[in-house]
């Protein structure tokens, strides 16, 4: 079977480390702290999703509030629901795309 090029997993991408295909190795480091790139990614996602929630609140939930006859306390619930649907849609799409790129997905045996 022809080997396909190694596709990086989410863990490898987020941690900034590439684990060779077929085995795992312990990476010895002098520090308990992870890569600075990892922390920058996490911080970036936190800032991005905070900004995205503000955008959803301002340009989606606020205009929908009056036509839907929402109480003030329901605005945050609608925000959270929209964010959750968006997050899960992105997550399932990302995972499906990752699977479709795998050779073993199309040729399991």
N, C-alpha and C. Protein backbone atom coordinates (compact mmCIF):
# COMPACT_ATOMS: atom_id res chain seq x y z
N UNK A 1 0.85 -1.19 0.00
CA UNK A 1 0.00 0.00 0.00
C UNK A 1 0.89 1.24 0.00
N UNK A 2 0.59 2.14 -0.87
CA UNK A 2 1.38 3.37 -0.93
C UNK A 2 1.12 4.21 0.31
N UNK A 3 2.18 4.68 0.89
CA UNK A 3 1.99 5.49 2.10
C UNK A 3 1.68 6.93 1.71
N UNK A 4 0.72 7.48 2.40
CA UNK A 4 0.34 8.87 2.14
C UNK A 4 1.20 9.78 3.00
N UNK A 5 1.37 11.02 2.57
CA UNK A 5 2.14 11.95 3.42
C UNK A 5 1.44 12.15 4.76
N UNK A 6 2.24 12.32 5.79
CA UNK A 6 1.67 12.45 7.14
C UNK A 6 0.89 13.76 7.27
N UNK A 7 -0.35 13.65 7.70
CA UNK A 7 -1.19 14.82 7.94
C UNK A 7 -1.13 15.12 9.43
N UNK A 8 -0.84 16.36 9.77
CA UNK A 8 -0.69 16.73 11.17
C UNK A 8 -2.03 16.65 11.89
N UNK A 9 -2.01 16.12 13.10
CA UNK A 9 -3.21 16.07 13.91
C UNK A 9 -3.41 17.41 14.61
N UNK A 10 -4.59 17.59 15.18
CA UNK A 10 -4.89 18.82 15.90
C UNK A 10 -3.92 19.03 17.05
N UNK A 11 -3.61 17.94 17.76
CA UNK A 11 -2.71 18.05 18.91
C UNK A 11 -1.33 18.51 18.46
N UNK A 12 -0.85 17.93 17.37
CA UNK A 12 0.47 18.32 16.85
C UNK A 12 0.48 19.78 16.41
N UNK A 13 -0.59 20.20 15.75
CA UNK A 13 -0.66 21.57 15.27
C UNK A 13 -0.70 22.54 16.44
N UNK A 14 -1.56 22.26 17.43
CA UNK A 14 -1.70 23.18 18.55
C UNK A 14 -0.45 23.21 19.42
N UNK A 15 0.19 22.07 19.59
CA UNK A 15 1.36 22.02 20.46
C UNK A 15 2.60 22.52 19.74
N UNK A 16 2.54 22.63 18.42
CA UNK A 16 3.70 23.10 17.68
C UNK A 16 4.76 22.03 17.55
N UNK A 17 4.40 20.77 17.76
CA UNK A 17 5.37 19.68 17.66
C UNK A 17 4.87 18.67 16.64
N UNK A 18 5.77 18.06 15.93
CA UNK A 18 5.40 17.03 14.97
C UNK A 18 5.90 15.69 15.48
N UNK A 19 4.97 14.76 15.70
CA UNK A 19 5.33 13.42 16.15
C UNK A 19 5.41 12.54 14.90
N UNK A 20 6.53 11.87 14.66
CA UNK A 20 6.65 11.04 13.45
C UNK A 20 5.56 9.98 13.39
N UNK A 21 5.10 9.68 12.18
CA UNK A 21 4.01 8.73 11.98
C UNK A 21 4.43 7.33 12.40
N UNK A 22 3.58 6.64 13.14
CA UNK A 22 3.83 5.25 13.47
C UNK A 22 4.34 5.02 14.87
N UNK A 23 4.87 6.01 15.52
CA UNK A 23 5.31 5.84 16.90
C UNK A 23 5.30 7.19 17.61
N UNK A 24 5.32 7.12 18.91
CA UNK A 24 5.35 8.33 19.71
C UNK A 24 6.68 8.39 20.44
N UNK A 25 7.21 9.55 20.59
CA UNK A 25 8.44 9.67 21.36
C UNK A 25 8.24 10.74 22.42
N UNK A 26 8.91 10.58 23.53
CA UNK A 26 8.85 11.57 24.59
C UNK A 26 9.88 12.64 24.26
N UNK A 27 9.41 13.85 24.19
CA UNK A 27 10.32 14.95 23.89
C UNK A 27 10.81 15.51 25.22
N UNK A 28 12.08 15.34 25.48
CA UNK A 28 12.63 15.84 26.74
C UNK A 28 12.88 17.34 26.62
N UNK A 29 12.38 18.06 27.59
CA UNK A 29 12.59 19.51 27.61
C UNK A 29 13.11 19.88 28.98
N UNK A 30 13.87 20.95 29.02
CA UNK A 30 14.41 21.41 30.29
C UNK A 30 13.36 22.12 31.13
N UNK A 31 12.24 22.44 30.52
CA UNK A 31 11.22 23.21 31.21
C UNK A 31 9.89 22.47 31.16
N UNK A 32 9.05 22.71 32.16
CA UNK A 32 7.71 22.14 32.16
C UNK A 32 6.78 22.92 31.24
N UNK A 33 7.18 24.13 30.88
CA UNK A 33 6.31 24.99 30.08
C UNK A 33 6.34 24.57 28.61
N UNK A 34 5.20 24.72 27.93
CA UNK A 34 5.11 24.35 26.52
C UNK A 34 5.73 25.39 25.62
N UNK A 35 5.56 25.18 24.35
CA UNK A 35 6.09 26.12 23.37
C UNK A 35 5.35 27.45 23.48
N UNK A 36 6.07 28.53 23.24
CA UNK A 36 5.41 29.84 23.28
C UNK A 36 4.38 29.95 22.17
N UNK A 37 4.60 29.28 21.04
CA UNK A 37 3.64 29.32 19.93
C UNK A 37 2.29 28.72 20.36
N UNK A 38 2.35 27.70 21.21
CA UNK A 38 1.12 27.08 21.71
C UNK A 38 0.31 28.10 22.52
N UNK A 39 0.98 28.81 23.41
CA UNK A 39 0.28 29.80 24.23
C UNK A 39 -0.25 30.95 23.38
N UNK A 40 0.49 31.33 22.37
CA UNK A 40 0.02 32.39 21.48
C UNK A 40 -1.22 31.95 20.71
N UNK A 41 -1.26 30.69 20.30
CA UNK A 41 -2.45 30.20 19.60
C UNK A 41 -3.66 30.22 20.53
N UNK A 42 -3.49 29.74 21.74
CA UNK A 42 -4.60 29.71 22.70
C UNK A 42 -5.09 31.13 22.99
N UNK A 43 -4.16 32.04 23.22
CA UNK A 43 -4.52 33.43 23.47
C UNK A 43 -5.22 34.03 22.25
N UNK A 44 -4.72 33.71 21.07
CA UNK A 44 -5.34 34.20 19.84
C UNK A 44 -6.76 33.71 19.68
N UNK A 45 -6.99 32.42 19.97
CA UNK A 45 -8.35 31.89 19.88
C UNK A 45 -9.27 32.54 20.91
N UNK A 46 -8.77 32.79 22.11
CA UNK A 46 -9.58 33.44 23.14
C UNK A 46 -9.99 34.84 22.69
N UNK A 47 -9.05 35.59 22.15
CA UNK A 47 -9.34 36.95 21.67
C UNK A 47 -10.31 36.88 20.49
N UNK A 48 -10.05 35.95 19.56
CA UNK A 48 -10.90 35.82 18.38
C UNK A 48 -12.35 35.50 18.75
N UNK A 49 -12.54 34.51 19.65
CA UNK A 49 -13.90 34.12 20.00
C UNK A 49 -14.60 35.17 20.86
N UNK A 50 -13.85 35.94 21.64
CA UNK A 50 -14.45 37.06 22.37
C UNK A 50 -14.94 38.11 21.38
N UNK A 51 -14.10 38.42 20.40
CA UNK A 51 -14.48 39.39 19.36
C UNK A 51 -15.68 38.87 18.56
N UNK A 52 -15.65 37.58 18.22
CA UNK A 52 -16.75 36.99 17.46
C UNK A 52 -18.06 37.06 18.23
N UNK A 53 -18.00 36.82 19.54
CA UNK A 53 -19.23 36.90 20.34
C UNK A 53 -19.76 38.33 20.39
N UNK A 54 -18.86 39.30 20.49
CA UNK A 54 -19.29 40.70 20.46
C UNK A 54 -19.95 41.05 19.12
N UNK A 55 -19.39 40.53 18.04
CA UNK A 55 -19.96 40.77 16.70
C UNK A 55 -21.35 40.12 16.61
N UNK A 56 -21.47 38.90 17.10
CA UNK A 56 -22.76 38.20 17.09
C UNK A 56 -23.78 38.97 17.92
N UNK A 57 -23.36 39.46 19.08
CA UNK A 57 -24.28 40.22 19.95
C UNK A 57 -24.74 41.51 19.27
N UNK A 58 -23.81 42.20 18.64
CA UNK A 58 -24.12 43.53 18.07
C UNK A 58 -24.90 43.44 16.76
N UNK A 59 -24.45 42.57 15.84
CA UNK A 59 -25.02 42.58 14.50
C UNK A 59 -25.98 41.43 14.20
N UNK A 60 -26.14 40.50 15.13
CA UNK A 60 -27.09 39.40 14.90
C UNK A 60 -28.18 39.39 15.96
N UNK A 61 -27.80 39.33 17.23
CA UNK A 61 -28.79 39.18 18.30
C UNK A 61 -29.58 40.46 18.52
N UNK A 62 -28.90 41.59 18.56
CA UNK A 62 -29.60 42.85 18.82
C UNK A 62 -30.67 43.15 17.76
N UNK A 63 -30.36 43.02 16.46
CA UNK A 63 -31.42 43.25 15.46
C UNK A 63 -32.55 42.22 15.51
N UNK A 64 -32.25 41.00 15.97
CA UNK A 64 -33.29 39.96 16.03
C UNK A 64 -34.16 40.07 17.28
N UNK A 65 -33.69 40.78 18.29
CA UNK A 65 -34.39 40.85 19.56
C UNK A 65 -35.81 41.37 19.46
N UNK A 66 -35.98 42.46 18.74
CA UNK A 66 -37.31 43.07 18.65
C UNK A 66 -38.29 42.21 17.82
N UNK A 67 -37.88 41.77 16.61
CA UNK A 67 -38.82 40.94 15.84
C UNK A 67 -39.18 39.62 16.53
N UNK A 68 -38.25 39.07 17.31
CA UNK A 68 -38.54 37.81 18.02
C UNK A 68 -39.22 38.05 19.36
N UNK A 69 -39.39 39.33 19.73
CA UNK A 69 -40.04 39.70 20.98
C UNK A 69 -39.33 39.07 22.19
N UNK A 70 -38.00 39.23 22.23
CA UNK A 70 -37.20 38.63 23.30
C UNK A 70 -37.17 39.51 24.54
N UNK A 71 -37.16 38.86 25.70
CA UNK A 71 -36.91 39.59 26.94
C UNK A 71 -35.42 39.90 27.00
N UNK A 72 -35.06 40.86 27.82
CA UNK A 72 -33.65 41.24 27.94
C UNK A 72 -32.78 40.07 28.42
N UNK A 73 -33.34 39.23 29.28
CA UNK A 73 -32.56 38.11 29.82
C UNK A 73 -32.30 37.01 28.78
N UNK A 74 -33.06 37.02 27.68
CA UNK A 74 -32.91 35.98 26.67
C UNK A 74 -31.88 36.33 25.60
N UNK A 75 -31.40 37.56 25.61
CA UNK A 75 -30.41 37.96 24.61
C UNK A 75 -29.14 37.14 24.73
N UNK A 76 -28.65 36.96 25.97
CA UNK A 76 -27.41 36.20 26.15
C UNK A 76 -27.61 34.72 25.81
N UNK A 77 -28.81 34.20 26.06
CA UNK A 77 -29.08 32.80 25.71
C UNK A 77 -29.03 32.61 24.19
N UNK A 78 -29.58 33.56 23.46
CA UNK A 78 -29.53 33.49 21.99
C UNK A 78 -28.09 33.61 21.50
N UNK A 79 -27.32 34.51 22.11
CA UNK A 79 -25.89 34.64 21.77
C UNK A 79 -25.19 33.31 21.95
N UNK A 80 -25.38 32.70 23.11
CA UNK A 80 -24.71 31.43 23.42
C UNK A 80 -25.14 30.33 22.46
N UNK A 81 -26.42 30.29 22.12
CA UNK A 81 -26.91 29.27 21.20
C UNK A 81 -26.28 29.43 19.82
N UNK A 82 -26.20 30.66 19.34
CA UNK A 82 -25.60 30.92 18.03
C UNK A 82 -24.12 30.53 18.04
N UNK A 83 -23.41 30.91 19.11
CA UNK A 83 -21.99 30.57 19.21
C UNK A 83 -21.80 29.06 19.27
N UNK A 84 -22.66 28.38 19.99
CA UNK A 84 -22.54 26.92 20.12
C UNK A 84 -22.79 26.22 18.79
N UNK A 85 -23.82 26.65 18.08
CA UNK A 85 -24.10 26.06 16.76
C UNK A 85 -22.92 26.31 15.82
N UNK A 86 -22.38 27.52 15.85
CA UNK A 86 -21.22 27.83 15.01
C UNK A 86 -20.01 26.99 15.36
N UNK A 87 -19.76 26.85 16.66
CA UNK A 87 -18.59 26.09 17.10
C UNK A 87 -18.71 24.62 16.71
N UNK A 88 -19.88 24.02 16.96
CA UNK A 88 -20.03 22.60 16.63
C UNK A 88 -20.03 22.37 15.12
N UNK A 89 -20.59 23.30 14.35
CA UNK A 89 -20.54 23.18 12.89
C UNK A 89 -19.10 23.21 12.42
N UNK A 90 -18.32 24.16 12.96
CA UNK A 90 -16.91 24.24 12.60
C UNK A 90 -16.17 22.97 13.03
N UNK A 91 -16.43 22.50 14.24
CA UNK A 91 -15.75 21.31 14.75
C UNK A 91 -16.01 20.07 13.93
N UNK A 92 -17.28 19.81 13.61
CA UNK A 92 -17.61 18.63 12.81
C UNK A 92 -17.04 18.75 11.40
N UNK A 93 -17.07 19.94 10.84
CA UNK A 93 -16.51 20.14 9.49
C UNK A 93 -15.01 19.92 9.49
N UNK A 94 -14.34 20.45 10.51
CA UNK A 94 -12.89 20.30 10.62
C UNK A 94 -12.51 18.83 10.76
N UNK A 95 -13.23 18.11 11.62
CA UNK A 95 -12.94 16.69 11.82
C UNK A 95 -13.25 15.86 10.58
N UNK A 96 -14.34 16.20 9.89
CA UNK A 96 -14.67 15.48 8.65
C UNK A 96 -13.60 15.73 7.59
N UNK A 97 -13.15 16.97 7.47
CA UNK A 97 -12.11 17.29 6.49
C UNK A 97 -10.82 16.55 6.83
N UNK A 98 -10.52 16.44 8.11
CA UNK A 98 -9.32 15.71 8.54
C UNK A 98 -9.44 14.23 8.16
N UNK A 99 -10.62 13.64 8.38
CA UNK A 99 -10.83 12.24 8.03
C UNK A 99 -10.71 12.02 6.52
N UNK A 100 -11.31 12.92 5.75
CA UNK A 100 -11.31 12.75 4.29
C UNK A 100 -9.90 12.81 3.71
N UNK A 101 -8.99 13.49 4.40
CA UNK A 101 -7.61 13.58 3.92
C UNK A 101 -6.81 12.32 4.21
N UNK A 102 -7.33 11.44 5.07
CA UNK A 102 -6.57 10.27 5.49
C UNK A 102 -6.69 9.14 4.47
N UNK A 103 -5.56 8.53 4.17
CA UNK A 103 -5.54 7.41 3.24
C UNK A 103 -6.34 6.22 3.79
N UNK A 104 -6.19 5.95 5.10
CA UNK A 104 -6.87 4.81 5.69
C UNK A 104 -8.39 4.98 5.73
N UNK A 105 -8.87 6.21 5.62
CA UNK A 105 -10.32 6.43 5.60
C UNK A 105 -10.93 5.87 4.31
N UNK A 106 -10.23 6.04 3.20
CA UNK A 106 -10.71 5.58 1.90
C UNK A 106 -10.31 4.13 1.62
N UNK A 107 -9.18 3.69 2.19
CA UNK A 107 -8.69 2.32 1.97
C UNK A 107 -8.38 1.69 3.33
N UNK A 108 -9.41 1.22 4.04
CA UNK A 108 -9.20 0.77 5.43
C UNK A 108 -8.35 -0.49 5.57
N UNK A 109 -8.32 -1.35 4.59
CA UNK A 109 -7.55 -2.60 4.73
C UNK A 109 -6.40 -2.65 3.75
